[in-house]
Amino acid sequence: MTVQPPDVLLEDGWCAEGVPLVAGMDEVGRGALAGVVTVGVAVVGPDALRVPYPEGLTDSKLLTPAARERLEPLVQEWVTAWGVGHATPAEIDEAGIIVALRRAGERALAAAEATCGPVRAVVLDGKHDWLTPPTGDLFDAFEAPPVDAVREVRTVIKGDIRCASVAAASVLAKCARDRLMAAAHEQFPMFGWDSNKGYGAKVHLDALRELGPCDLHRRSWSLPERAPVPAGAVDGR
């Protein structure tokens, strides 16, 4: 299947309306059994939109690891500012995946805004706006931006394919999280995180059944139960 390259029509349109900066946003790790959930932000303004985005840019899931690594520094050079934020497995267990996504998104925006200043417009990949806190959500009120910093969020289905800023954010998020999972693999090699990145691959599920979860697993999720040790077995003998 041929995938059309992304465009900057939405970003251009917003800037034409007087919006100085537009942030593309995408997440990775939402459906994993272990590891952080990560959000990438790629901020573009008129200067970035006047030059072509990096050749080959598209949804990170459609790219090989080598292509993503090649694109990452090119994306960082193209955008006006960028940021990556994470939420830990403990936060996911404590508050749920939507609140964790919101926290990671706010952290990514804060990292970008440290370079470019306030961002008031966000293009969010997907159908649902998980970045904007629900009205009256006291549970996560401390994560909400100040009243004078309220952002307009537009959700775009397949935004990581359609919008260049969101595609850029997807590459940043994927590269950052993959590095974290590769490092975690060094500590917990039995789960095969160097290849499956914490998702439910067979080697990961088999290790969970044999060994049980570690500190980086999302324990509130439906993880495979550890197999009972046969009677009389000692240290695997």
Protein backbone atom coordinates (compact mmCIF):
# COMPACT_ATOMS: atom_id res chain seq x y z
CA MET A 1 0.00 0.00 0.00
CA THR A 2 1.33 3.41 -0.99
CA VAL A 3 1.12 6.00 1.77
CA GLN A 4 0.74 9.62 0.81
CA PRO A 5 3.39 11.86 2.39
CA PRO A 6 2.15 14.18 5.15
CA ASP A 7 1.40 17.83 4.50
CA VAL A 8 1.42 21.06 6.50
CA LEU A 9 -2.01 22.34 5.45
CA LEU A 10 -3.45 22.36 8.97
CA GLU A 11 -0.35 23.95 10.45
CA ASP A 12 -0.21 26.55 7.65
CA GLY A 13 -3.88 27.35 8.09
CA TRP A 14 -3.51 27.93 11.80
CA CYS A 15 -0.49 30.19 11.28
CA ALA A 16 -2.41 32.12 8.60
CA GLU A 17 -5.07 32.80 11.25
CA GLY A 18 -2.43 34.45 13.42
CA VAL A 19 -1.44 31.48 15.58
CA PRO A 20 2.34 31.86 15.97
CA LEU A 21 3.22 28.30 16.98
CA VAL A 22 1.54 24.94 16.36
CA ALA A 23 2.53 21.75 18.17
CA GLY A 24 2.10 18.33 16.65
CA MET A 25 1.73 15.66 19.35
CA ASP A 26 1.80 11.86 19.33
CA GLU A 27 2.24 9.09 21.88
CA VAL A 28 3.94 5.73 21.94
CA GLY A 29 3.73 2.91 24.46
CA ARG A 30 0.06 3.26 25.29
CA GLY A 31 -0.66 -0.42 24.75
CA ALA A 32 2.57 -1.84 26.17
CA LEU A 33 2.63 -4.10 29.22
CA ALA A 34 5.81 -2.54 30.58
CA GLY A 35 7.76 0.68 30.48
CA VAL A 36 6.82 4.32 30.29
CA VAL A 37 4.24 5.88 28.04
CA THR A 38 5.94 8.58 25.99
CA VAL A 39 4.63 11.68 24.22
CA GLY A 40 6.51 13.61 21.58
CA VAL A 41 5.91 17.24 20.64
CA ALA A 42 7.11 18.97 17.47
CA VAL A 43 6.45 22.72 17.41
CA VAL A 44 6.40 24.53 14.08
CA GLY A 45 6.02 28.20 13.24
CA PRO A 46 6.16 30.21 10.01
CA ASP A 47 9.94 29.84 9.70
CA ALA A 48 9.84 26.04 9.88
CA LEU A 49 6.86 25.86 7.55
CA ARG A 50 8.71 27.83 4.86
CA VAL A 51 11.24 25.02 4.39
CA PRO A 52 10.53 21.41 3.40
CA TYR A 53 10.26 18.86 6.16
CA PRO A 54 12.82 16.01 6.15
CA GLU A 55 12.51 13.64 3.22
CA GLY A 56 10.89 10.33 4.13
CA LEU A 57 9.04 11.69 7.17
CA THR A 58 5.89 9.73 8.03
CA ASP A 59 4.29 7.85 10.91
CA SER A 60 7.11 6.27 12.93
CA LYS A 61 5.34 2.89 12.91
CA LEU A 62 5.84 2.73 9.15
CA LEU A 63 9.58 3.33 9.38
CA THR A 64 12.44 0.96 10.07
CA PRO A 65 14.53 1.60 13.19
CA ALA A 66 17.37 2.81 10.97
CA ALA A 67 15.08 5.24 9.15
CA ARG A 68 13.74 6.62 12.43
CA GLU A 69 17.25 7.15 13.77
CA ARG A 70 18.24 8.91 10.55
CA LEU A 71 15.21 11.18 10.73
CA GLU A 72 15.41 12.08 14.43
CA PRO A 73 18.19 14.72 14.17
CA LEU A 74 16.72 16.04 10.91
CA VAL A 75 13.35 16.52 12.61
CA GLN A 76 15.00 18.27 15.55
CA GLU A 77 16.71 20.63 13.12
CA TRP A 78 13.55 21.29 11.07
CA VAL A 79 11.13 22.16 13.87
CA THR A 80 11.02 25.40 15.84
CA ALA A 81 11.19 23.48 19.13
CA TRP A 82 10.61 19.96 20.34
CA GLY A 83 10.13 18.00 23.53
CA VAL A 84 9.56 14.50 24.86
CA GLY A 85 7.73 13.60 28.07
CA HIS A 86 7.19 10.33 29.91
CA ALA A 87 4.85 8.92 32.53
CA THR A 88 6.03 5.96 34.59
CA PRO A 89 4.39 2.57 35.08
CA ALA A 90 3.68 3.62 38.67
CA GLU A 91 1.79 6.69 37.41
CA ILE A 92 -0.16 4.54 34.96
CA ASP A 93 -1.11 2.16 37.78
CA GLU A 94 -2.01 5.00 40.13
CA ALA A 95 -3.97 7.30 37.84
CA GLY A 96 -4.82 5.33 34.69
CA ILE A 97 -3.49 5.56 31.18
CA ILE A 98 -5.42 8.70 30.14
CA VAL A 99 -4.13 10.79 33.04
CA ALA A 100 -0.66 9.36 32.44
CA LEU A 101 -0.84 10.39 28.78
CA ARG A 102 -1.91 13.89 29.84
CA ARG A 103 1.01 14.18 32.25
CA ALA A 104 3.48 12.99 29.62
CA GLY A 105 1.98 15.42 27.10
CA GLU A 106 2.26 18.38 29.49
CA ARG A 107 5.87 17.44 30.25
CA ALA A 108 6.69 17.26 26.54
CA LEU A 109 5.07 20.65 25.94
CA ALA A 110 6.93 22.17 28.89
CA ALA A 111 10.23 20.93 27.44
CA ALA A 112 9.43 22.50 24.06
CA GLU A 113 8.12 25.73 25.56
CA ALA A 114 11.38 26.18 27.44
CA THR A 115 12.87 26.88 23.99
CA CYS A 116 10.08 28.58 22.04
CA GLY A 117 7.75 30.08 24.63
CA PRO A 118 4.02 29.38 25.11
CA VAL A 119 2.23 27.14 22.62
CA ARG A 120 -1.53 27.62 22.32
CA ALA A 121 -2.41 25.25 19.47
CA VAL A 122 -1.95 21.48 19.41
CA VAL A 123 -2.62 18.93 16.67
CA LEU A 124 -3.21 15.65 18.48
CA ASP A 125 -3.06 12.29 16.73
CA GLY A 126 -6.18 10.18 17.04
CA LYS A 127 -9.89 10.59 17.67
CA HIS A 128 -9.97 11.51 21.37
CA ASP A 129 -8.51 14.53 23.15
CA TRP A 130 -6.67 13.05 26.12
CA LEU A 131 -4.56 16.21 26.61
CA THR A 132 -7.31 18.55 27.84
CA PRO A 133 -8.37 17.78 31.44
CA PRO A 134 -12.10 17.15 31.85
CA THR A 135 -13.99 20.04 33.43
CA GLY A 136 -14.05 19.64 37.19
CA ASP A 137 -11.42 16.89 37.22
CA LEU A 138 -10.07 17.51 40.71
CA PHE A 139 -8.09 14.26 40.69
CA ASP A 140 -5.61 15.59 38.17
CA ALA A 141 -6.17 19.32 38.60
CA PHE A 142 -2.51 19.95 39.37
CA GLU A 143 -1.63 18.86 35.84
CA ALA A 144 -3.92 21.39 34.13
CA PRO A 145 -2.31 24.45 32.51
CA PRO A 146 -3.14 27.87 33.98
CA VAL A 147 -6.36 29.53 32.83
CA ASP A 148 -4.43 32.08 30.75
CA ALA A 149 -2.54 29.24 29.04
CA VAL A 150 -5.55 27.29 27.77
CA ARG A 151 -4.74 25.59 24.47
CA GLU A 152 -6.87 24.77 21.49
CA VAL A 153 -6.53 21.09 20.67
CA ARG A 154 -7.58 19.60 17.34
CA THR A 155 -7.66 15.83 17.02
CA VAL A 156 -6.83 14.33 13.64
CA ILE A 157 -7.43 10.65 12.89
CA LYS A 158 -4.24 9.25 11.36
CA GLY A 159 -2.61 12.57 12.12
CA ASP A 160 0.78 10.87 12.25
CA ILE A 161 0.36 10.09 8.55
CA ARG A 162 -1.50 13.22 7.46
CA CYS A 163 0.20 16.08 9.36
CA ALA A 164 3.95 16.64 9.16
CA SER A 165 4.22 18.07 12.68
CA VAL A 166 2.49 15.02 14.14
CA ALA A 167 4.64 12.65 12.09
CA ALA A 168 7.69 14.48 13.44
CA ALA A 169 6.37 14.10 16.99
CA SER A 170 5.83 10.39 16.43
CA VAL A 171 9.46 9.92 15.38
CA LEU A 172 10.73 11.83 18.43
CA ALA A 173 8.54 9.84 20.83
CA LYS A 174 9.36 6.46 19.30
CA CYS A 175 13.12 7.02 19.25
CA ALA A 176 13.15 8.25 22.85
CA ARG A 177 11.06 5.38 24.21
CA ASP A 178 12.94 2.74 22.22
CA ARG A 179 16.19 3.90 23.81
CA LEU A 180 14.68 3.64 27.28
CA MET A 181 13.42 0.12 26.60
CA ALA A 182 16.78 -0.94 25.17
CA ALA A 183 18.42 0.28 28.39
CA ALA A 184 15.79 -1.54 30.47
CA HIS A 185 16.58 -4.70 28.51
CA GLU A 186 20.10 -4.63 29.92
CA GLN A 187 18.61 -4.93 33.41
CA PHE A 188 15.82 -7.37 32.52
CA PRO A 189 17.00 -9.30 29.43
CA MET A 190 14.60 -12.18 30.04
CA PHE A 191 11.65 -10.14 28.73
CA GLY A 192 13.17 -9.39 25.31
CA TRP A 193 12.53 -5.66 25.49
CA ASP A 194 15.33 -4.93 23.02
CA SER A 195 12.99 -6.20 20.31
CA ASN A 196 9.41 -6.08 21.68
CA LYS A 197 9.77 -2.74 23.57
CA GLY A 198 7.47 -3.94 26.35
CA TYR A 199 4.59 -5.07 24.15
CA GLY A 200 2.94 -8.48 24.38
CA ALA A 201 5.27 -10.57 22.23
CA LYS A 202 5.51 -14.30 22.93
CA VAL A 203 8.94 -14.12 24.58
CA HIS A 204 7.65 -11.38 26.88
CA LEU A 205 4.46 -13.25 27.80
CA ASP A 206 6.33 -16.52 28.35
CA ALA A 207 8.80 -14.80 30.69
CA LEU A 208 5.95 -13.22 32.64
CA ARG A 209 4.34 -16.63 33.13
CA GLU A 210 7.64 -18.13 34.26
CA LEU A 211 9.10 -15.29 36.34
CA GLY A 212 6.29 -12.86 37.10
CA PRO A 213 6.42 -9.07 36.63
CA CYS A 214 9.25 -6.72 37.52
CA ASP A 215 9.18 -3.11 38.73
CA LEU A 216 8.74 -1.77 35.20
CA HIS A 217 5.53 -3.69 34.50
CA ARG A 218 2.11 -2.08 34.67
CA ARG A 219 0.71 -4.18 37.46
CA SER A 220 -2.81 -2.80 37.20
CA TRP A 221 -3.05 -4.29 33.71
CA SER A 222 -4.12 -7.83 32.86
CA LEU A 223 -0.71 -9.46 32.89
CA PRO A 224 -0.32 -13.23 32.41
CA GLU A 225 -0.34 -15.01 35.73
CA ARG A 226 2.85 -16.64 36.89
CA ALA A 227 2.75 -20.40 36.50
CA PRO A 228 2.72 -22.29 39.82
CA VAL A 229 5.98 -23.94 40.82
CA PRO A 230 5.64 -27.76 40.73
CA ALA A 231 5.56 -29.40 44.14
CA GLY A 232 9.05 -30.35 45.28
CA ALA A 233 10.81 -28.08 42.81
CA VAL A 234 13.64 -26.02 44.29
CA ASP A 235 15.47 -23.31 42.31
CA GLY A 236 14.27 -24.75 39.04
CA ARG A 237 15.62 -28.25 39.74
